Each structure stands twice: as C-alpha cells, then as structure tokens.
Amino acid sequence: MTHDYDVIVAGAGMVGSAIAYGLAGAGRRVLALDGADTDYRAAKANFGLVWVQGKGLGNAHYQRLSYQAAALWPAFARDLERESGVPLNYENRGGLHFCVGEAEFMQRAQRLERWQAQATELPPCTEMLDRGALQRLFPQLRLGPHVTGASLGTRDGHVNPLRLLAAMQAAFVRRGGQLYHGQAAERLVALPGGGFEVQSAGQRWRTQHLVIAAGLGSRTLGPMVGLSVPLRPQRGQILVTERIAPLLPLPASGIRQTNEGSVLVGLTQEEVGYDLATTTEAAVRMSRKALHVLPDLARARLVRHWSCLRIMTPDGCPVYAGAADYPGAWIALCHSGVTLASFHAGPLAHALAGGTLPTFLDVFHHERFNVPQAA
C-alpha cells in the first residue's frame, strides 16, 4: 500500500517525536515511524535534565541553542500537558553541580567563567556557592563533609523523560499525525519526480519531505539520501533507589530525585561500542560519588540498574542539515533530546514545515566533520 504524506519522520524517540509533534501542529500531514522496544533507545535511560549550565563549552552556538531551548520550556511544558493530558512533572527552579574538594570547586568556577565569556550577550545564569552559602540557601540539605560547594544554574530544571516522550506522541496523534510502532524505516528512496519513498517491513509510503531522526539508526539511513554523519554510541549507566523522603531540593548533575521520591544516580560515559551491559565497577563508582555528596543515600535500597546508548557526534554537538542532492531530506541528531525538545517542537519544526532550516543552524551542518586534516 502507498500513502501520501507531507512529511515522514524516521524515528520517534525524543528528537523525532518532538519534531513530528511540531510539524503536525503546523498543519502538515505527518507520519512518524517508530522502531521496536528492543532498539537502541537513548530515551529508555534518560536522566531527565533540562540543562544549560556549562553546556557547549568550546561551542558558543550550542550554548546559545541550549539557552534558547530552556527559555522555551515553560510554555512548551504547559501547552504539552494541556494538549496531551499527561503530567510531565516539570520543574525549573534551578540545578546544582556539586564540588568535592577545593580543587574541584576552583576548576568548576574557572570552567563556568570561560563558558560565560563565550557568549557575553546572554544574561548570566550561573553562580558559584561555597558550602556556607549553599547550606544557607538550602538549610535542610545534609552534605558530605568534603563537599566544598556547588554551581547553581538558574535556567536549569528537570522533567520525567518517559512522560515527556509519551506526551509528545499522544499530542502528535491528537493533532492528526500517524504514529506506527514497530515500523522502523529500513530503506529511503529518492523518487525521480521529487519526494521520497520510505520502506519498512513490506510497507511503502510516499512523502514530499523526509526527516531522519533515528538516533544511532541514522548511520544507516542517512547515506541513502546523501546525509552521512559520523556517529558513535556512548554507554551511560544509571542507578535508581527506592522512593524516599525528600533530600535533594534541586536536580544535580549526576543525582536527581524524582517527583515520586526515587533518586537517580549516574550517568557514566563509556566508550564500549554497542555493549548495553551493566557493570558492578560502574555501580560502585557512581554510588561512592553520590555518597560523598549525600551520605543519607546510604540508607536507601537500590531497586534498579540499567544502561542506554547516547548518540554522540565527534564534537558532541548536534547535527541539523539538509541534503544538498536530495531536496526535502533533513537530518536531526543530538544527545540532548530532553533539553532541546522545546526547540525541536517549536522553531525547528516550524521552519521545516516551511521547507527550510533556520540559517543560524548552519553551524551544526555535518560538513563540519569533513574539514581536511593537516598533514
């Protein structure tokens, strides 16, 4: 069977679902093709941070994009909850990055100073708090003896990532979009008269425009329409405790207490290919680090330990590009699908609905990886 759509989005994880949701809101007829639950889904073990502080050090364009996305998040969350009926548990009261030892505190301060200097037009959104200032601000917070302070990011927050994904998919369908689970795109064919045919498990659909947002699967799909992007998986492991009384007032880098009371501890950054195993070594390392910050966690039982694979480009920054030889085909890739969801569903989707990419995204074109290396 052949069906016609204005846009087909190959991939319905955090990135693909956000784009599809935005495109459907712009009045486009959209089909989103989702893979199987056994696929390498980054969303399955997402930490749920909406994070700005320190993101994009060395790349001011990524820094600005993260800042823009965080500013869009409150309205995005409000509208998505109303439309989907799914509570997101979104909070944007700030976020912490704890420092253990004086050297770590100084290094963090210097890092954020360099980061802020990259984009001086952006209002400052971070503050270094020594231990005394941190305890005055959060008197109920019981810290380990070696915690010297923390950086506070006023633009940071967190959300339930699984609810976010479910909400975007539900709202997409309510807007008239079609979502097929277990139908990962397998082959993309450019049609002689323009447009594309997308094939999956014996099914064929035709579309005028195509968005590849299939995470690590984009390595296979992209080259079919001239969008070859170098990607690698990076394993991240997470520990989850039982539900306990509140002990962390704000989400932190590597530690987050959910609305339900569970504490998430992670993430690791492991270059192990497509290995999804969990390791005792990582669990011990993450536990020790968390206990240095919050010793009361020692009384909580661990109830789950799992891993996921991040989508990493060579420089760690997103890719947004159109195919030079296949007009109407685009690719969108990043490992910050939660933080950038508001941007993907808003400005990016609206631009794609008009048949183009915003010009300020040119710096994220994948051709940046094709610069010849000096001999």
Protein backbone atom coordinates (compact mmCIF):
# COMPACT_ATOMS: atom_id res chain seq x y z
CA MET A 1 0.00 0.00 0.00
CA THR A 2 1.15 3.53 -0.78
CA HIS A 3 0.12 6.50 1.35
CA ASP A 4 0.96 10.13 0.75
CA TYR A 5 2.20 12.46 3.49
CA ASP A 6 3.64 15.93 3.61
CA VAL A 7 6.44 14.73 5.91
CA ILE A 8 7.64 11.37 7.15
CA VAL A 9 9.77 11.39 10.30
CA ALA A 10 12.03 8.36 10.53
CA GLY A 11 12.43 7.86 14.27
CA ALA A 12 10.00 8.61 17.10
CA GLY A 13 12.24 8.95 20.12
CA MET A 14 12.82 12.24 21.92
CA VAL A 15 14.00 14.10 18.83
CA GLY A 16 11.70 12.58 16.23
CA SER A 17 8.57 12.81 18.40
CA ALA A 18 9.21 16.48 19.19
CA ILE A 19 9.69 17.35 15.52
CA ALA A 20 6.65 15.32 14.44
CA TYR A 21 4.51 16.96 17.14
CA GLY A 22 5.55 20.40 15.96
CA LEU A 23 5.02 19.59 12.29
CA ALA A 24 1.51 18.27 12.97
CA GLY A 25 0.77 21.48 14.88
CA ALA A 26 1.78 23.43 11.77
CA GLY A 27 -0.96 21.67 9.81
CA ARG A 28 1.23 19.15 8.00
CA ARG A 29 0.16 15.57 7.30
CA VAL A 30 2.84 13.65 9.17
CA LEU A 31 3.76 10.00 9.57
CA ALA A 32 6.21 9.07 12.34
CA LEU A 33 7.83 5.64 12.14
CA ASP A 34 8.98 4.17 15.45
CA GLY A 35 11.22 1.17 15.92
CA ALA A 36 10.88 -1.75 18.31
CA ASP A 37 11.28 -1.58 22.08
CA THR A 38 14.46 -3.64 21.69
CA ASP A 39 16.13 -0.92 19.60
CA TYR A 40 18.97 1.21 20.98
CA ARG A 41 16.77 3.87 22.53
CA ALA A 42 18.52 6.68 24.39
CA ALA A 43 15.13 7.68 25.84
CA LYS A 44 14.93 4.48 27.89
CA ALA A 45 17.58 5.67 30.33
CA ASN A 46 17.38 9.42 30.01
CA PHE A 47 18.25 11.38 33.16
CA GLY A 48 15.52 13.96 32.52
CA LEU A 49 17.57 17.13 32.96
CA VAL A 50 16.69 20.36 31.19
CA TRP A 51 20.21 21.73 31.46
CA VAL A 52 22.04 24.89 30.46
CA GLN A 53 24.96 25.50 32.84
CA GLY A 54 28.25 24.56 31.24
CA LYS A 55 26.67 23.06 28.12
CA GLY A 56 28.53 23.96 24.97
CA LEU A 57 31.89 24.86 26.46
CA GLY A 58 34.03 25.37 23.38
CA ASN A 59 31.00 25.91 21.14
CA ALA A 60 29.09 29.13 21.79
CA HIS A 61 26.46 28.21 19.19
CA TYR A 62 25.48 25.12 21.19
CA GLN A 63 25.50 27.22 24.35
CA ARG A 64 23.06 29.72 22.78
CA LEU A 65 20.85 26.92 21.47
CA SER A 66 20.60 25.32 24.93
CA TYR A 67 19.80 28.70 26.48
CA GLN A 68 17.07 29.31 23.88
CA ALA A 69 15.56 25.88 24.44
CA ALA A 70 15.46 26.31 28.23
CA ALA A 71 13.70 29.66 27.79
CA LEU A 72 11.05 27.96 25.63
CA TRP A 73 10.49 25.09 28.07
CA PRO A 74 7.90 26.59 30.49
CA ALA A 75 5.41 27.44 27.72
CA PHE A 76 6.23 24.20 25.89
CA ALA A 77 5.55 22.10 29.01
CA ARG A 78 2.33 23.96 29.82
CA ASP A 79 0.91 23.54 26.31
CA LEU A 80 2.02 19.91 26.00
CA GLU A 81 0.43 18.94 29.33
CA ARG A 82 -2.83 20.62 28.38
CA GLU A 83 -2.93 19.01 24.96
CA SER A 84 -1.81 15.51 25.92
CA GLY A 85 -3.33 15.22 29.39
CA VAL A 86 -0.01 13.76 30.60
CA PRO A 87 1.60 15.41 33.68
CA LEU A 88 5.28 15.97 32.94
CA ASN A 89 6.49 16.74 36.50
CA TYR A 90 8.48 19.62 35.02
CA GLU A 91 10.26 21.97 37.41
CA ASN A 92 12.57 24.85 36.52
CA ARG A 93 13.72 26.16 39.90
CA GLY A 94 17.41 25.70 39.06
CA GLY A 95 20.03 22.97 39.13
CA LEU A 96 23.23 22.19 41.06
CA HIS A 97 26.64 20.82 40.19
CA PHE A 98 28.30 19.69 43.43
CA CYS A 99 32.04 20.06 44.01
CA VAL A 100 34.06 17.82 46.30
CA GLY A 101 37.34 19.39 47.42
CA GLU A 102 38.77 22.86 46.92
CA ALA A 103 40.47 21.99 43.64
CA GLU A 104 37.19 20.80 42.10
CA PHE A 105 35.42 23.96 43.28
CA MET A 106 38.06 26.19 41.68
CA GLN A 107 38.06 24.18 38.45
CA ARG A 108 34.29 24.45 38.22
CA ALA A 109 34.41 28.21 38.75
CA GLN A 110 37.05 28.62 36.05
CA ARG A 111 35.14 26.40 33.64
CA LEU A 112 31.94 28.40 34.02
CA GLU A 113 33.84 31.66 33.70
CA ARG A 114 35.20 30.51 30.33
CA TRP A 115 31.76 29.26 29.33
CA GLN A 116 30.05 32.57 30.14
CA ALA A 117 32.76 34.52 28.26
CA GLN A 118 31.89 32.62 25.06
CA ALA A 119 28.52 34.35 24.73
CA THR A 120 28.62 37.58 26.71
CA GLU A 121 25.32 38.73 25.21
CA LEU A 122 23.49 36.04 27.21
CA PRO A 123 22.38 37.09 30.72
CA PRO A 124 24.47 35.34 33.41
CA CYS A 125 22.67 32.26 34.67
CA THR A 126 25.20 30.57 36.96
CA GLU A 127 26.57 31.30 40.41
CA MET A 128 29.25 29.60 42.48
CA LEU A 129 28.09 28.87 46.03
CA ASP A 130 30.60 27.87 48.68
CA ARG A 131 29.49 25.36 51.31
CA GLY A 132 28.23 28.03 53.69
CA ALA A 133 26.18 29.82 51.04
CA LEU A 134 24.81 26.51 49.81
CA GLN A 135 23.63 25.50 53.29
CA ARG A 136 22.12 28.91 53.96
CA LEU A 137 20.15 28.65 50.72
CA PHE A 138 19.09 25.05 51.42
CA PRO A 139 19.15 24.57 55.21
CA GLN A 140 17.57 21.09 55.00
CA LEU A 141 20.32 19.80 52.70
CA ARG A 142 22.69 17.43 54.53
CA LEU A 143 26.01 17.31 52.71
CA GLY A 144 29.02 15.07 52.98
CA PRO A 145 31.99 16.55 54.88
CA HIS A 146 34.13 17.03 51.76
CA VAL A 147 31.56 18.96 49.70
CA THR A 148 33.05 22.44 49.21
CA GLY A 149 30.10 23.95 47.38
CA ALA A 150 28.27 23.86 44.08
CA SER A 151 27.49 25.83 40.98
CA LEU A 152 23.86 26.90 40.73
CA GLY A 153 22.29 27.19 37.28
CA THR A 154 19.19 29.34 37.42
CA ARG A 155 17.99 28.21 33.98
CA ASP A 156 18.21 24.51 34.80
CA GLY A 157 15.40 22.12 35.66
CA HIS A 158 14.16 18.58 35.20
CA VAL A 159 11.24 16.56 33.87
CA ASN A 160 10.02 12.96 33.80
CA PRO A 161 11.55 11.85 30.48
CA LEU A 162 9.28 8.87 29.87
CA ARG A 163 6.19 11.00 30.44
CA LEU A 164 7.64 13.63 28.14
CA LEU A 165 8.02 11.09 25.34
CA ALA A 166 4.54 9.68 25.94
CA ALA A 167 3.03 13.18 25.99
CA MET A 168 4.65 14.23 22.72
CA GLN A 169 3.50 11.07 20.98
CA ALA A 170 -0.05 11.36 22.36
CA ALA A 171 -0.33 15.03 21.39
CA PHE A 172 1.08 14.27 17.95
CA VAL A 173 -1.68 11.72 17.35
CA ARG A 174 -4.31 14.14 18.68
CA ARG A 175 -3.09 16.67 16.14
CA GLY A 176 -3.85 14.20 13.38
CA GLY A 177 -0.44 12.62 12.99
CA GLN A 178 0.01 8.91 12.37
CA LEU A 179 2.42 7.00 14.59
CA TYR A 180 3.41 3.44 13.76
CA HIS A 181 5.28 1.47 16.42
CA GLY A 182 7.49 -1.43 15.42
CA GLN A 183 7.85 0.04 11.93
CA ALA A 184 11.39 1.36 11.78
CA ALA A 185 12.30 2.83 8.42
CA GLU A 186 14.52 0.39 6.54
CA ARG A 187 15.03 1.97 3.13
CA LEU A 188 14.76 5.50 1.77
CA VAL A 189 14.40 6.02 -1.97
CA ALA A 190 14.50 9.36 -3.77
CA LEU A 191 11.78 9.47 -6.42
CA PRO A 192 12.53 10.71 -9.97
CA GLY A 193 9.85 13.40 -9.86
CA GLY A 194 10.79 14.60 -6.38
CA GLY A 195 9.91 13.37 -2.95
CA PHE A 196 10.76 10.07 -1.34
CA GLU A 197 9.53 6.55 -0.76
CA VAL A 198 10.06 5.11 2.71
CA GLN A 199 10.01 1.34 3.09
CA SER A 200 9.51 -0.63 6.28
CA ALA A 201 8.64 -4.30 6.82
CA GLY A 202 6.91 -4.65 3.46
CA GLN A 203 5.10 -1.32 3.75
CA ARG A 204 5.74 1.65 1.47
CA TRP A 205 4.84 5.28 1.99
CA ARG A 206 5.48 8.34 -0.15
CA THR A 207 6.24 11.82 1.08
CA GLN A 208 7.36 15.17 -0.22
CA HIS A 209 9.67 15.75 2.73
CA LEU A 210 11.68 13.48 4.98
CA VAL A 211 13.24 13.99 8.43
CA ILE A 212 15.76 11.45 9.68
CA ALA A 213 15.77 11.47 13.48
CA ALA A 214 16.55 7.83 14.14
CA GLY A 215 19.41 8.25 16.59
CA LEU A 216 22.12 5.67 16.03
CA GLY A 217 19.98 4.18 13.26
CA SER A 218 20.66 7.35 11.29
CA ARG A 219 24.10 5.95 10.46
CA THR A 220 22.36 3.53 8.10
CA LEU A 221 19.51 5.72 6.84
CA GLY A 222 21.38 8.98 6.28
CA PRO A 223 23.69 7.83 3.46
CA MET A 224 20.65 6.68 1.45
CA VAL A 225 19.83 10.36 0.85
CA GLY A 226 23.29 11.90 0.99
CA LEU A 227 23.36 12.60 4.74
CA SER A 228 26.29 10.63 6.10
CA VAL A 229 27.02 11.68 9.68
CA PRO A 230 29.80 10.12 11.78
CA LEU A 231 28.16 8.80 14.94
CA ARG A 232 29.23 6.61 17.80
CA PRO A 233 27.39 5.09 20.77
CA GLN A 234 28.39 6.06 24.29
CA ARG A 235 27.12 3.95 27.16
CA GLY A 236 25.57 5.58 30.19
CA GLN A 237 24.57 3.60 33.31
CA ILE A 238 22.01 4.69 35.89
CA LEU A 239 21.16 3.52 39.41
CA VAL A 240 17.70 4.04 40.88
CA THR A 241 16.78 3.88 44.56
CA GLU A 242 13.52 3.14 46.26
CA ARG A 243 11.24 6.07 47.00
CA ILE A 244 12.49 8.05 49.97
CA ALA A 245 11.69 11.30 51.75
CA PRO A 246 12.91 14.48 50.01
CA LEU A 247 16.66 15.02 50.48
CA LEU A 248 17.66 16.94 47.34
CA PRO A 249 15.92 20.30 46.74
CA LEU A 250 17.09 20.71 43.14
CA PRO A 251 18.25 18.34 40.40
CA ALA A 252 22.00 17.99 40.21
CA SER A 253 24.50 16.80 37.67
CA GLY A 254 24.66 13.07 38.35
CA ILE A 255 21.98 12.97 41.09
CA ARG A 256 18.28 13.68 40.68
CA GLN A 257 15.34 12.98 42.97
CA THR A 258 12.13 12.45 41.05
CA ASN A 259 8.70 13.78 41.91
CA GLU A 260 7.80 10.30 43.19
CA GLY A 261 10.79 10.19 45.55
CA SER A 262 13.18 7.84 43.75
CA VAL A 263 16.77 9.02 43.40
CA LEU A 264 18.59 8.59 40.10
CA VAL A 265 22.37 8.29 40.21
CA GLY A 266 24.55 8.40 37.06
CA LEU A 267 25.49 8.78 34.32
CA THR A 268 28.67 7.09 33.15
CA GLN A 269 30.40 7.99 29.89
CA GLU A 270 31.79 4.75 28.48
CA GLU A 271 33.24 4.12 25.02
CA VAL A 272 32.31 0.43 24.71
CA GLY A 273 30.56 0.31 21.36
CA TYR A 274 27.07 -1.20 21.36
CA ASP A 275 27.52 -3.10 24.64
CA LEU A 276 24.44 -2.48 26.83
CA ALA A 277 25.65 -4.46 29.82
CA THR A 278 25.64 -3.02 33.32
CA THR A 279 28.76 -3.38 35.44
CA THR A 280 29.48 -3.68 39.13
CA GLU A 281 32.50 -1.41 38.70
CA ALA A 282 30.31 1.43 37.40
CA ALA A 283 27.73 0.88 40.14
CA VAL A 284 30.41 1.13 42.84
CA ARG A 285 31.95 4.25 41.28
CA MET A 286 28.59 6.01 40.93
CA SER A 287 27.49 5.03 44.44
CA ARG A 288 30.67 6.28 46.07
CA LYS A 289 30.48 9.59 44.25
CA ALA A 290 26.84 10.09 45.24
CA LEU A 291 27.54 9.19 48.89
CA HIS A 292 30.35 11.75 49.05
CA VAL A 293 27.69 14.37 48.29
CA LEU A 294 24.61 12.96 50.04
CA PRO A 295 25.58 10.48 52.79
CA ASP A 296 21.93 9.85 53.70
CA LEU A 297 21.61 7.89 50.45
CA ALA A 298 23.37 5.03 52.26
CA ARG A 299 20.03 4.16 53.89
CA ALA A 300 18.20 3.83 50.55
CA ARG A 301 17.84 0.49 48.78
CA LEU A 302 18.84 0.26 45.15
CA VAL A 303 16.00 -1.16 43.09
CA ARG A 304 17.24 -0.88 39.52
CA HIS A 305 20.40 -0.60 37.47
CA TRP A 306 20.31 -0.19 33.71
CA SER A 307 22.11 1.39 30.78
CA CYS A 308 21.49 3.12 27.47
CA LEU A 309 23.48 4.33 24.49
CA ARG A 310 23.86 8.03 23.78
CA ILE A 311 24.09 9.36 20.24
CA MET A 312 27.46 11.08 20.00
CA THR A 313 28.97 13.09 17.15
CA PRO A 314 32.75 13.66 17.02
CA ASP A 315 32.46 17.03 18.78
CA GLY A 316 29.49 16.14 21.00
CA CYS A 317 27.29 18.83 19.42
CA PRO A 318 24.03 18.39 17.46
CA VAL A 319 23.66 17.93 13.73
CA TYR A 320 20.97 19.71 11.72
CA ALA A 321 21.33 19.55 7.95
CA GLY A 322 19.55 19.25 4.64
CA ALA A 323 20.69 17.02 1.80
CA ALA A 324 22.33 19.00 -0.99
CA ASP A 325 21.50 16.44 -3.68
CA TYR A 326 18.11 15.35 -2.30
CA PRO A 327 15.97 18.47 -1.68
CA GLY A 328 13.42 17.93 1.07
CA ALA A 329 15.52 15.47 3.12
CA TRP A 330 16.83 16.61 6.50
CA ILE A 331 18.59 15.04 9.46
CA ALA A 332 18.40 16.00 13.15
CA LEU A 333 20.65 14.36 15.74
CA CYS A 334 21.71 15.20 19.29
CA HIS A 335 22.28 13.68 22.72
CA SER A 336 20.28 16.43 24.48
CA GLY A 337 16.83 15.37 23.36
CA VAL A 338 15.13 16.50 26.59
CA THR A 339 16.73 19.94 26.85
CA LEU A 340 16.22 20.64 23.14
CA ALA A 341 12.69 19.18 22.90
CA SER A 342 11.11 22.63 23.16
CA PHE A 343 13.28 23.90 20.30
CA HIS A 344 12.65 20.83 18.15
CA ALA A 345 8.87 21.06 18.59
CA GLY A 346 8.87 24.84 18.13
CA PRO A 347 11.31 26.82 15.96
CA LEU A 348 12.85 23.80 14.22
CA ALA A 349 9.54 22.12 13.32
CA HIS A 350 8.02 25.40 12.16
CA ALA A 351 10.99 26.05 9.88
CA LEU A 352 10.84 22.52 8.45
CA ALA A 353 7.10 22.97 7.85
CA GLY A 354 8.08 25.87 5.62
CA GLY A 355 10.58 23.73 3.76
CA THR A 356 13.84 25.03 5.19
CA LEU A 357 16.22 25.04 8.13
CA PRO A 358 16.88 28.20 10.17
CA THR A 359 20.08 29.79 8.89
CA PHE A 360 21.53 30.03 12.41
CA LEU A 361 21.69 26.23 12.38
CA ASP A 362 24.19 26.22 9.50
CA VAL A 363 26.99 25.89 12.05
CA PHE A 364 25.59 22.47 13.00
CA HIS A 365 25.84 21.07 9.47
CA HIS A 366 27.58 17.72 9.34
CA GLU A 367 30.04 19.01 6.73
CA ARG A 368 31.99 20.50 9.65
CA PHE A 369 33.38 17.00 10.16
CA ASN A 370 34.79 16.87 6.62
CA VAL A 371 37.45 19.54 7.11
CA PRO A 372 40.71 18.06 5.71
CA GLN A 373 43.26 17.34 8.42
CA ALA A 374 46.65 18.99 8.18
CA ALA A 375 49.41 16.67 7.06
